[in-house]
C-alpha cells in the first residue's frame, strides 16, 4: 500500500464512493431506456465510471 495520510485516504474513499454511485445510476438507467443509442451511451458512461473507481482502488492498494 502506498503511503497516504488519513485525510488523503478519506478523500480518495469519497471519490471512489461517488464514482461507484454514478456507475450504478448509469447502469440502472441503461436498463430502463428503450432507445438503443441512448442505452449504448449510458452503458459507455457506466463503463467509464467503473474504470475510474477500479483504477483508484488499485492505486490505493499500491
Protein backbone atom coordinates (compact mmCIF):
# COMPACT_ATOMS: atom_id res chain seq x y z
CA UNK A 1 0.00 0.00 0.00
CA UNK A 2 1.24 3.46 -0.86
CA UNK A 3 1.86 5.93 1.93
CA UNK A 4 -1.21 8.15 2.23
CA UNK A 5 -2.31 10.41 5.02
CA UNK A 6 -5.63 9.70 6.65
CA UNK A 7 -7.04 12.81 5.00
CA UNK A 8 -5.93 11.63 1.57
CA UNK A 9 -7.40 8.18 2.12
CA UNK A 10 -10.69 9.71 3.22
CA UNK A 11 -10.78 11.93 0.15
CA UNK A 12 -9.98 9.05 -2.19
CA UNK A 13 -12.62 6.92 -0.49
CA UNK A 14 -15.23 9.63 -1.03
CA UNK A 15 -14.27 9.91 -4.70
CA UNK A 16 -14.49 6.13 -5.12
CA UNK A 17 -17.92 6.11 -3.48
CA UNK A 18 -19.11 8.87 -5.83
CA UNK A 19 -17.75 7.05 -8.89
CA UNK A 20 -19.48 3.83 -7.82
CA UNK A 21 -22.74 5.68 -7.25
CA UNK A 22 -22.56 7.28 -10.70
CA UNK A 23 -21.70 3.92 -12.26
CA UNK A 24 -24.70 2.21 -10.65
CA UNK A 25 -27.05 5.01 -11.72
CA UNK A 26 -25.92 4.85 -15.35
CA UNK A 27 -26.27 1.06 -15.28
CA UNK A 28 -29.82 1.29 -13.90
CA UNK A 29 -30.80 3.99 -16.40
CA UNK A 30 -29.43 1.90 -19.27
CA UNK A 31 -31.73 -0.96 -18.22
CA UNK A 32 -34.78 1.30 -18.26
CA UNK A 33 -34.44 3.10 -21.59
CA UNK A 34 -35.66 1.59 -24.84
CA UNK A 35 -33.74 3.78 -27.29
CA UNK A 36 -30.73 1.71 -28.44
CA UNK A 37 -28.48 4.73 -28.96
CA UNK A 38 -29.24 6.13 -25.53
CA UNK A 39 -28.78 2.68 -23.97
CA UNK A 40 -25.36 2.37 -25.60
CA UNK A 41 -24.34 5.85 -24.46
CA UNK A 42 -25.41 5.14 -20.88
CA UNK A 43 -23.56 1.83 -20.86
CA UNK A 44 -20.39 3.53 -22.13
CA UNK A 45 -20.70 6.19 -19.42
CA UNK A 46 -21.17 3.47 -16.81
CA UNK A 47 -18.09 1.64 -18.06
CA UNK A 48 -16.01 4.82 -17.86
CA UNK A 49 -17.01 5.42 -14.24
CA UNK A 50 -16.43 1.78 -13.33
CA UNK A 51 -12.96 2.07 -14.83
CA UNK A 52 -12.33 5.21 -12.75
CA UNK A 53 -13.20 3.64 -9.41
CA UNK A 54 -11.37 0.43 -10.27
CA UNK A 55 -8.21 2.37 -11.08
CA UNK A 56 -8.50 4.38 -7.87
CA UNK A 57 -8.97 1.23 -5.79
CA UNK A 58 -5.89 -0.33 -7.39
CA UNK A 59 -3.94 2.87 -6.82
CA UNK A 60 -4.74 2.83 -3.11
CA UNK A 61 -3.76 -0.83 -2.77
CA UNK A 62 -0.44 0.05 -4.36
